[in-house]
PDB file of N, CA and C in Angstrom:
ATOM      1  N   UNK A   1      12.388  68.253  20.731  1.00  0.00           N
ATOM      2  CA  UNK A   1      11.030  68.448  20.267  1.00  0.00           C
ATOM      3  C   UNK A   1      10.223  69.093  21.388  1.00  0.00           C
ATOM      4  N   UNK A   2       9.333  69.963  21.020  1.00  0.00           N
ATOM      5  CA  UNK A   2       8.388  70.503  21.985  1.00  0.00           C
ATOM      6  C   UNK A   2       7.001  70.054  21.580  1.00  0.00           C
ATOM      7  N   UNK A   3       6.186  69.792  22.559  1.00  0.00           N
ATOM      8  CA  UNK A   3       4.842  69.293  22.315  1.00  0.00           C
ATOM      9  C   UNK A   3       3.872  70.411  22.613  1.00  0.00           C
ATOM     10  N   UNK A   4       3.000  70.714  21.684  1.00  0.00           N
ATOM     11  CA  UNK A   4       2.030  71.774  21.892  1.00  0.00           C
ATOM     12  C   UNK A   4       2.646  73.159  21.876  1.00  0.00           C
ATOM     13  N   UNK A   5       3.856  73.300  21.313  1.00  0.00           N
ATOM     14  CA  UNK A   5       4.502  74.587  21.228  1.00  0.00           C
ATOM     15  C   UNK A   5       5.108  75.064  22.541  1.00  0.00           C
ATOM     16  N   UNK A   6       5.123  74.232  23.567  1.00  0.00           N
ATOM     17  CA  UNK A   6       5.654  74.617  24.874  1.00  0.00           C
ATOM     18  C   UNK A   6       7.064  74.078  25.049  1.00  0.00           C
ATOM     19  N   UNK A   7       7.903  74.877  25.675  1.00  0.00           N
ATOM     20  CA  UNK A   7       9.263  74.449  25.966  1.00  0.00           C
ATOM     21  C   UNK A   7       9.411  73.946  27.404  1.00  0.00           C
ATOM     22  N   UNK A   8       8.472  74.275  28.260  1.00  0.00           N
ATOM     23  CA  UNK A   8       8.551  73.925  29.666  1.00  0.00           C
ATOM     24  C   UNK A   8       7.973  72.528  29.905  1.00  0.00           C
ATOM     25  N   UNK A   9       8.845  71.591  30.288  1.00  0.00           N
ATOM     26  CA  UNK A   9       8.407  70.220  30.519  1.00  0.00           C
ATOM     27  C   UNK A   9       7.368  70.102  31.615  1.00  0.00           C
ATOM     28  N   UNK A  10       7.468  70.937  32.646  1.00  0.00           N
ATOM     29  CA  UNK A  10       6.499  70.874  33.741  1.00  0.00           C
ATOM     30  C   UNK A  10       5.093  71.226  33.254  1.00  0.00           C
ATOM     31  N   UNK A  11       5.002  72.185  32.353  1.00  0.00           N
ATOM     32  CA  UNK A  11       3.695  72.557  31.806  1.00  0.00           C
ATOM     33  C   UNK A  11       3.146  71.424  30.956  1.00  0.00           C
ATOM     34  N   UNK A  12       3.988  70.831  30.127  1.00  0.00           N
ATOM     35  CA  UNK A  12       3.540  69.714  29.287  1.00  0.00           C
ATOM     36  C   UNK A  12       3.088  68.545  30.158  1.00  0.00           C
ATOM     37  N   UNK A  13       3.798  68.306  31.247  1.00  0.00           N
ATOM     38  CA  UNK A  13       3.426  67.224  32.150  1.00  0.00           C
ATOM     39  C   UNK A  13       2.071  67.507  32.804  1.00  0.00           C
ATOM     40  N   UNK A  14       1.812  68.763  33.164  1.00  0.00           N
ATOM     41  CA  UNK A  14       0.510  69.125  33.717  1.00  0.00           C
ATOM     42  C   UNK A  14      -0.616  68.900  32.715  1.00  0.00           C
ATOM     43  N   UNK A  15      -0.365  69.218  31.464  1.00  0.00           N
ATOM     44  CA  UNK A  15      -1.373  68.994  30.420  1.00  0.00           C
ATOM     45  C   UNK A  15      -1.670  67.503  30.298  1.00  0.00           C
ATOM     46  N   UNK A  16      -0.636  66.694  30.336  1.00  0.00           N
ATOM     47  CA  UNK A  16      -0.820  65.241  30.267  1.00  0.00           C
ATOM     48  C   UNK A  16      -1.636  64.767  31.461  1.00  0.00           C
ATOM     49  N   UNK A  17      -1.324  65.271  32.651  1.00  0.00           N
ATOM     50  CA  UNK A  17      -2.069  64.898  33.845  1.00  0.00           C
ATOM     51  C   UNK A  17      -3.537  65.283  33.766  1.00  0.00           C
ATOM     52  N   UNK A  18      -3.796  66.441  33.195  1.00  0.00           N
ATOM     53  CA  UNK A  18      -5.190  66.890  33.031  1.00  0.00           C
ATOM     54  C   UNK A  18      -5.935  65.966  32.084  1.00  0.00           C
ATOM     55  N   UNK A  19      -5.282  65.552  31.012  1.00  0.00           N
ATOM     56  CA  UNK A  19      -5.926  64.628  30.067  1.00  0.00           C
ATOM     57  C   UNK A  19      -6.267  63.312  30.759  1.00  0.00           C
ATOM     58  N   UNK A  20      -5.370  62.828  31.607  1.00  0.00           N
ATOM     59  CA  UNK A  20      -5.634  61.580  32.329  1.00  0.00           C
ATOM     60  C   UNK A  20      -6.784  61.766  33.309  1.00  0.00           C
ATOM     61  N   UNK A  21      -6.815  62.905  33.998  1.00  0.00           N
ATOM     62  CA  UNK A  21      -7.867  63.156  34.984  1.00  0.00           C
ATOM     63  C   UNK A  21      -9.240  63.243  34.333  1.00  0.00           C
ATOM     64  N   UNK A  22      -9.288  63.814  33.141  1.00  0.00           N
ATOM     65  CA  UNK A  22     -10.555  63.906  32.419  1.00  0.00           C
ATOM     66  C   UNK A  22     -10.998  62.518  31.970  1.00  0.00           C
ATOM     67  N   UNK A  23     -10.032  61.692  31.554  1.00  0.00           N
ATOM     68  CA  UNK A  23     -10.324  60.307  31.198  1.00  0.00           C
ATOM     69  C   UNK A  23     -11.001  60.111  29.856  1.00  0.00           C
ATOM     70  N   UNK A  24     -10.928  61.091  28.983  1.00  0.00           N
ATOM     71  CA  UNK A  24     -11.583  61.004  27.674  1.00  0.00           C
ATOM     72  C   UNK A  24     -10.747  60.142  26.719  1.00  0.00           C
ATOM     73  N   UNK A  25     -11.317  59.076  26.163  1.00  0.00           N
ATOM     74  CA  UNK A  25     -10.585  58.245  25.211  1.00  0.00           C
ATOM     75  C   UNK A  25     -10.068  59.021  23.995  1.00  0.00           C
ATOM     76  N   UNK A  26     -10.647  60.180  23.699  1.00  0.00           N
ATOM     77  CA  UNK A  26     -10.151  61.000  22.586  1.00  0.00           C
ATOM     78  C   UNK A  26      -8.751  61.529  22.871  1.00  0.00           C
ATOM     79  N   UNK A  27      -8.289  61.398  24.095  1.00  0.00           N
ATOM     80  CA  UNK A  27      -6.942  61.841  24.464  1.00  0.00           C
ATOM     81  C   UNK A  27      -5.861  60.869  24.018  1.00  0.00           C
ATOM     82  N   UNK A  28      -6.232  59.714  23.549  1.00  0.00           N
ATOM     83  CA  UNK A  28      -5.242  58.695  23.185  1.00  0.00           C
ATOM     84  C   UNK A  28      -4.215  59.212  22.190  1.00  0.00           C
ATOM     85  N   UNK A  29      -4.660  59.845  21.118  1.00  0.00           N
ATOM     86  CA  UNK A  29      -3.731  60.348  20.100  1.00  0.00           C
ATOM     87  C   UNK A  29      -2.739  61.349  20.655  1.00  0.00           C
ATOM     88  N   UNK A  30      -3.208  62.400  21.351  1.00  0.00           N
ATOM     89  CA  UNK A  30      -2.269  63.356  21.927  1.00  0.00           C
ATOM     90  C   UNK A  30      -1.329  62.727  22.961  1.00  0.00           C
ATOM     91  N   UNK A  31      -1.817  61.756  23.721  1.00  0.00           N
ATOM     92  CA  UNK A  31      -0.955  61.107  24.698  1.00  0.00           C
ATOM     93  C   UNK A  31       0.129  60.280  24.019  1.00  0.00           C
ATOM     94  N   UNK A  32      -0.228  59.590  22.954  1.00  0.00           N
ATOM     95  CA  UNK A  32       0.778  58.838  22.203  1.00  0.00           C
ATOM     96  C   UNK A  32       1.818  59.799  21.633  1.00  0.00           C
ATOM     97  N   UNK A  33       1.368  60.968  21.177  1.00  0.00           N
ATOM     98  CA  UNK A  33       2.307  61.987  20.708  1.00  0.00           C
ATOM     99  C   UNK A  33       3.220  62.466  21.817  1.00  0.00           C
ATOM    100  N   UNK A  34       2.683  62.629  23.021  1.00  0.00           N
ATOM    101  CA  UNK A  34       3.488  63.082  24.159  1.00  0.00           C
ATOM    102  C   UNK A  34       4.492  62.030  24.594  1.00  0.00           C
ATOM    103  N   UNK A  35       4.254  60.772  24.245  1.00  0.00           N
ATOM    104  CA  UNK A  35       5.200  59.708  24.574  1.00  0.00           C
ATOM    105  C   UNK A  35       6.486  59.828  23.763  1.00  0.00           C
ATOM    106  N   UNK A  36       6.521  60.755  22.814  1.00  0.00           N
ATOM    107  CA  UNK A  36       7.732  60.999  22.022  1.00  0.00           C
ATOM    108  C   UNK A  36       8.420  62.302  22.429  1.00  0.00           C
ATOM    109  N   UNK A  37       7.977  62.911  23.527  1.00  0.00           N
ATOM    110  CA  UNK A  37       8.547  64.158  24.023  1.00  0.00           C
ATOM    111  C   UNK A  37      10.012  63.949  24.390  1.00  0.00           C
ATOM    112  N   UNK A  38      10.794  65.019  24.326  1.00  0.00           N
ATOM    113  CA  UNK A  38      12.210  64.946  24.699  1.00  0.00           C
ATOM    114  C   UNK A  38      12.414  64.740  26.197  1.00  0.00           C
ATOM    115  N   UNK A  39      11.465  65.189  26.997  1.00  0.00           N
ATOM    116  CA  UNK A  39      11.577  65.121  28.451  1.00  0.00           C
ATOM    117  C   UNK A  39      11.065  63.769  28.945  1.00  0.00           C
ATOM    118  N   UNK A  40      11.917  62.978  29.613  1.00  0.00           N
ATOM    119  CA  UNK A  40      11.470  61.661  30.079  1.00  0.00           C
ATOM    120  C   UNK A  40      10.336  61.737  31.096  1.00  0.00           C
ATOM    121  N   UNK A  41      10.256  62.832  31.870  1.00  0.00           N
ATOM    122  CA  UNK A  41       9.147  62.973  32.822  1.00  0.00           C
ATOM    123  C   UNK A  41       7.813  63.125  32.092  1.00  0.00           C
ATOM    124  N   UNK A  42       7.830  63.842  30.987  1.00  0.00           N
ATOM    125  CA  UNK A  42       6.616  64.002  30.182  1.00  0.00           C
ATOM    126  C   UNK A  42       6.255  62.670  29.538  1.00  0.00           C
ATOM    127  N   UNK A  43       7.259  61.958  29.016  1.00  0.00           N
ATOM    128  CA  UNK A  43       6.995  60.649  28.402  1.00  0.00           C
ATOM    129  C   UNK A  43       6.417  59.681  29.425  1.00  0.00           C
ATOM    130  N   UNK A  44       6.968  59.691  30.641  1.00  0.00           N
ATOM    131  CA  UNK A  44       6.485  58.790  31.688  1.00  0.00           C
ATOM    132  C   UNK A  44       5.044  59.141  32.071  1.00  0.00           C
ATOM    133  N   UNK A  45       4.757  60.426  32.216  1.00  0.00           N
ATOM    134  CA  UNK A  45       3.397  60.851  32.565  1.00  0.00           C
ATOM    135  C   UNK A  45       2.408  60.464  31.474  1.00  0.00           C
ATOM    136  N   UNK A  46       2.806  60.646  30.227  1.00  0.00           N
ATOM    137  CA  UNK A  46       1.934  60.291  29.107  1.00  0.00           C
ATOM    138  C   UNK A  46       1.698  58.787  29.061  1.00  0.00           C
ATOM    139  N   UNK A  47       2.718  58.029  29.357  1.00  0.00           N
ATOM    140  CA  UNK A  47       2.600  56.575  29.356  1.00  0.00           C
ATOM    141  C   UNK A  47       1.629  56.115  30.443  1.00  0.00           C
ATOM    142  N   UNK A  48       1.764  56.671  31.641  1.00  0.00           N
ATOM    143  CA  UNK A  48       0.838  56.310  32.718  1.00  0.00           C
ATOM    144  C   UNK A  48      -0.580  56.769  32.403  1.00  0.00           C
ATOM    145  N   UNK A  49      -0.705  57.949  31.811  1.00  0.00           N
ATOM    146  CA  UNK A  49      -2.035  58.457  31.444  1.00  0.00           C
ATOM    147  C   UNK A  49      -2.702  57.551  30.426  1.00  0.00           C
ATOM    148  N   UNK A  50      -1.904  56.982  29.536  1.00  0.00           N
ATOM    149  CA  UNK A  50      -2.467  56.064  28.552  1.00  0.00           C
ATOM    150  C   UNK A  50      -3.041  54.826  29.240  1.00  0.00           C
ATOM    151  N   UNK A  51      -2.490  54.463  30.380  1.00  0.00           N
ATOM    152  CA  UNK A  51      -3.051  53.371  31.161  1.00  0.00           C
ATOM    153  C   UNK A  51      -4.432  53.686  31.692  1.00  0.00           C
ATOM    154  N   UNK A  52      -4.755  54.971  31.798  1.00  0.00           N
ATOM    155  CA  UNK A  52      -6.072  55.400  32.276  1.00  0.00           C
ATOM    156  C   UNK A  52      -7.076  55.448  31.128  1.00  0.00           C
ATOM    157  N   UNK A  53      -6.678  56.006  29.995  1.00  0.00           N
ATOM    158  CA  UNK A  53      -7.624  56.232  28.891  1.00  0.00           C
ATOM    159  C   UNK A  53      -7.427  55.284  27.714  1.00  0.00           C
ATOM    160  N   UNK A  54      -6.376  54.481  27.756  1.00  0.00           N
ATOM    161  CA  UNK A  54      -6.064  53.620  26.615  1.00  0.00           C
ATOM    162  C   UNK A  54      -7.004  52.440  26.479  1.00  0.00           C
ATOM    163  N   UNK A  55      -6.933  51.853  25.326  1.00  0.00           N
ATOM    164  CA  UNK A  55      -7.723  50.673  25.027  1.00  0.00           C
ATOM    165  C   UNK A  55      -6.822  49.543  24.585  1.00  0.00           C
ATOM    166  N   UNK A  56      -7.417  48.485  24.121  1.00  0.00           N
ATOM    167  CA  UNK A  56      -6.647  47.300  23.753  1.00  0.00           C
ATOM    168  C   UNK A  56      -5.643  47.576  22.641  1.00  0.00           C
ATOM    169  N   UNK A  57      -5.925  48.538  21.768  1.00  0.00           N
ATOM    170  CA  UNK A  57      -5.003  48.827  20.671  1.00  0.00           C
ATOM    171  C   UNK A  57      -3.710  49.489  21.147  1.00  0.00           C
ATOM    172  N   UNK A  58      -3.690  50.047  22.364  1.00  0.00           N
ATOM    173  CA  UNK A  58      -2.469  50.669  22.889  1.00  0.00           C
ATOM    174  C   UNK A  58      -1.580  49.686  23.644  1.00  0.00           C
ATOM    175  N   UNK A  59      -2.067  48.491  23.905  1.00  0.00           N
ATOM    176  CA  UNK A  59      -1.301  47.519  24.690  1.00  0.00           C
ATOM    177  C   UNK A  59       0.015  47.179  24.006  1.00  0.00           C
ATOM    178  N   UNK A  60       0.000  46.935  22.714  1.00  0.00           N
ATOM    179  CA  UNK A  60       1.238  46.585  22.005  1.00  0.00           C
ATOM    180  C   UNK A  60       2.248  47.727  22.074  1.00  0.00           C
ATOM    181  N   UNK A  61       1.774  48.943  21.933  1.00  0.00           N
ATOM    182  CA  UNK A  61       2.642  50.121  22.037  1.00  0.00           C
ATOM    183  C   UNK A  61       3.313  50.168  23.409  1.00  0.00           C
ATOM    184  N   UNK A  62       2.537  49.923  24.461  1.00  0.00           N
ATOM    185  CA  UNK A  62       3.079  49.944  25.815  1.00  0.00           C
ATOM    186  C   UNK A  62       4.041  48.791  26.052  1.00  0.00           C
ATOM    187  N   UNK A  63       3.734  47.618  25.521  1.00  0.00           N
ATOM    188  CA  UNK A  63       4.644  46.478  25.644  1.00  0.00           C
ATOM    189  C   UNK A  63       5.984  46.773  24.974  1.00  0.00           C
ATOM    190  N   UNK A  64       5.930  47.365  23.780  1.00  0.00           N
ATOM    191  CA  UNK A  64       7.166  47.727  23.074  1.00  0.00           C
ATOM    192  C   UNK A  64       7.973  48.746  23.865  1.00  0.00           C
ATOM    193  N   UNK A  65       7.302  49.711  24.427  1.00  0.00           N
ATOM    194  CA  UNK A  65       7.976  50.744  25.207  1.00  0.00           C
ATOM    195  C   UNK A  65       8.622  50.148  26.454  1.00  0.00           C
ATOM    196  N   UNK A  66       7.916  49.263  27.130  1.00  0.00           N
ATOM    197  CA  UNK A  66       8.445  48.641  28.347  1.00  0.00           C
ATOM    198  C   UNK A  66       9.671  47.785  28.079  1.00  0.00           C
ATOM    199  N   UNK A  67       9.786  47.270  26.870  1.00  0.00           N
ATOM    200  CA  UNK A  67      10.906  46.377  26.556  1.00  0.00           C
ATOM    201  C   UNK A  67      12.011  47.051  25.746  1.00  0.00           C
ATOM    202  N   UNK A  68      11.952  48.365  25.592  1.00  0.00           N
ATOM    203  CA  UNK A  68      12.983  49.092  24.856  1.00  0.00           C
ATOM    204  C   UNK A  68      14.141  49.400  25.799  1.00  0.00           C
ATOM    205  N   UNK A  69      15.264  48.728  25.590  1.00  0.00           N
ATOM    206  CA  UNK A  69      16.394  48.816  26.512  1.00  0.00           C
ATOM    207  C   UNK A  69      16.988  50.218  26.620  1.00  0.00           C
ATOM    208  N   UNK A  70      16.953  50.995  25.560  1.00  0.00           N
ATOM    209  CA  UNK A  70      17.580  52.316  25.611  1.00  0.00           C
ATOM    210  C   UNK A  70      16.619  53.420  26.063  1.00  0.00           C
ATOM    211  N   UNK A  71      15.403  53.062  26.463  1.00  0.00           N
ATOM    212  CA  UNK A  71      14.440  54.046  26.985  1.00  0.00           C
ATOM    213  C   UNK A  71      14.749  54.317  28.454  1.00  0.00           C
ATOM    214  N   UNK A  72      14.427  55.499  28.913  1.00  0.00           N
ATOM    215  CA  UNK A  72      14.602  55.886  30.308  1.00  0.00           C
ATOM    216  C   UNK A  72      13.866  54.887  31.210  1.00  0.00           C
ATOM    217  N   UNK A  73      14.493  54.522  32.318  1.00  0.00           N
ATOM    218  CA  UNK A  73      13.914  53.508  33.199  1.00  0.00           C
ATOM    219  C   UNK A  73      12.565  53.958  33.774  1.00  0.00           C
ATOM    220  N   UNK A  74      12.404  55.244  34.055  1.00  0.00           N
ATOM    221  CA  UNK A  74      11.124  55.740  34.556  1.00  0.00           C
ATOM    222  C   UNK A  74      10.007  55.527  33.529  1.00  0.00           C
ATOM    223  N   UNK A  75      10.307  55.745  32.274  1.00  0.00           N
ATOM    224  CA  UNK A  75       9.322  55.555  31.210  1.00  0.00           C
ATOM    225  C   UNK A  75       8.977  54.072  31.084  1.00  0.00           C
ATOM    226  N   UNK A  76       9.976  53.218  31.165  1.00  0.00           N
ATOM    227  CA  UNK A  76       9.734  51.780  31.069  1.00  0.00           C
ATOM    228  C   UNK A  76       8.862  51.285  32.225  1.00  0.00           C
ATOM    229  N   UNK A  77       9.159  51.752  33.433  1.00  0.00           N
ATOM    230  CA  UNK A  77       8.349  51.371  34.582  1.00  0.00           C
ATOM    231  C   UNK A  77       6.931  51.927  34.469  1.00  0.00           C
ATOM    232  N   UNK A  78       6.807  53.119  33.931  1.00  0.00           N
ATOM    233  CA  UNK A  78       5.479  53.709  33.720  1.00  0.00           C
ATOM    234  C   UNK A  78       4.670  52.884  32.732  1.00  0.00           C
ATOM    235  N   UNK A  79       5.331  52.350  31.719  1.00  0.00           N
ATOM    236  CA  UNK A  79       4.648  51.499  30.748  1.00  0.00           C
ATOM    237  C   UNK A  79       4.148  50.219  31.426  1.00  0.00           C
ATOM    238  N   UNK A  80       4.973  49.650  32.288  1.00  0.00           N
ATOM    239  CA  UNK A  80       4.552  48.450  33.012  1.00  0.00           C
ATOM    240  C   UNK A  80       3.372  48.762  33.938  1.00  0.00           C
ATOM    241  N   UNK A  81       3.428  49.903  34.595  1.00  0.00           N
ATOM    242  CA  UNK A  81       2.323  50.305  35.475  1.00  0.00           C
ATOM    243  C   UNK A  81       1.036  50.511  34.673  1.00  0.00           C
ATOM    244  N   UNK A  82       1.164  51.119  33.505  1.00  0.00           N
ATOM    245  CA  UNK A  82      -0.010  51.327  32.648  1.00  0.00           C
ATOM    246  C   UNK A  82      -0.602  49.988  32.200  1.00  0.00           C
ATOM    247  N   UNK A  83       0.261  49.062  31.844  1.00  0.00           N
ATOM    248  CA  UNK A  83      -0.209  47.728  31.438  1.00  0.00           C
ATOM    249  C   UNK A  83      -0.921  47.034  32.591  1.00  0.00           C
ATOM    250  N   UNK A  84      -0.374  47.164  33.780  1.00  0.00           N
ATOM    251  CA  UNK A  84      -1.010  46.576  34.965  1.00  0.00           C
ATOM    252  C   UNK A  84      -2.380  47.197  35.201  1.00  0.00           C
ATOM    253  N   UNK A  85      -2.440  48.523  35.080  1.00  0.00           N
ATOM    254  CA  UNK A  85      -3.708  49.225  35.285  1.00  0.00           C
ATOM    255  C   UNK A  85      -4.754  48.764  34.267  1.00  0.00           C
ATOM    256  N   UNK A  86      -4.303  48.472  33.051  1.00  0.00           N
ATOM    257  CA  UNK A  86      -5.198  48.031  31.984  1.00  0.00           C
ATOM    258  C   UNK A  86      -5.495  46.532  32.077  1.00  0.00           C
ATOM    259  N   UNK A  87      -4.882  45.875  33.074  1.00  0.00           N
ATOM    260  CA  UNK A  87      -5.010  44.428  33.267  1.00  0.00           C
ATOM    261  C   UNK A  87      -4.569  43.651  32.028  1.00  0.00           C
ATOM    262  N   UNK A  88      -3.481  44.136  31.432  1.00  0.00           N
ATOM    263  CA  UNK A  88      -2.945  43.498  30.223  1.00  0.00           C
ATOM    264  C   UNK A  88      -1.812  42.544  30.576  1.00  0.00           C
TER     265      UNK A  88
END
């Protein structure tokens, strides 16, 4: 899958980072979409970014992601970091 029509994971990761830096809660939907990217680095970045802009409704999503055994370890750790950042 490509997110935003881009094939380059580094570009998608930069977009995710920009969304986190802006900190707009309207980014939640696109970030959740990026958490389904084929590239684990993009998924991890999106997960951490959600820790910046996410709200209480994203906590369950992050908990599920952190406990998914077949998910990339970087993504799982990013979910835990996001939960910590959200004080969840």
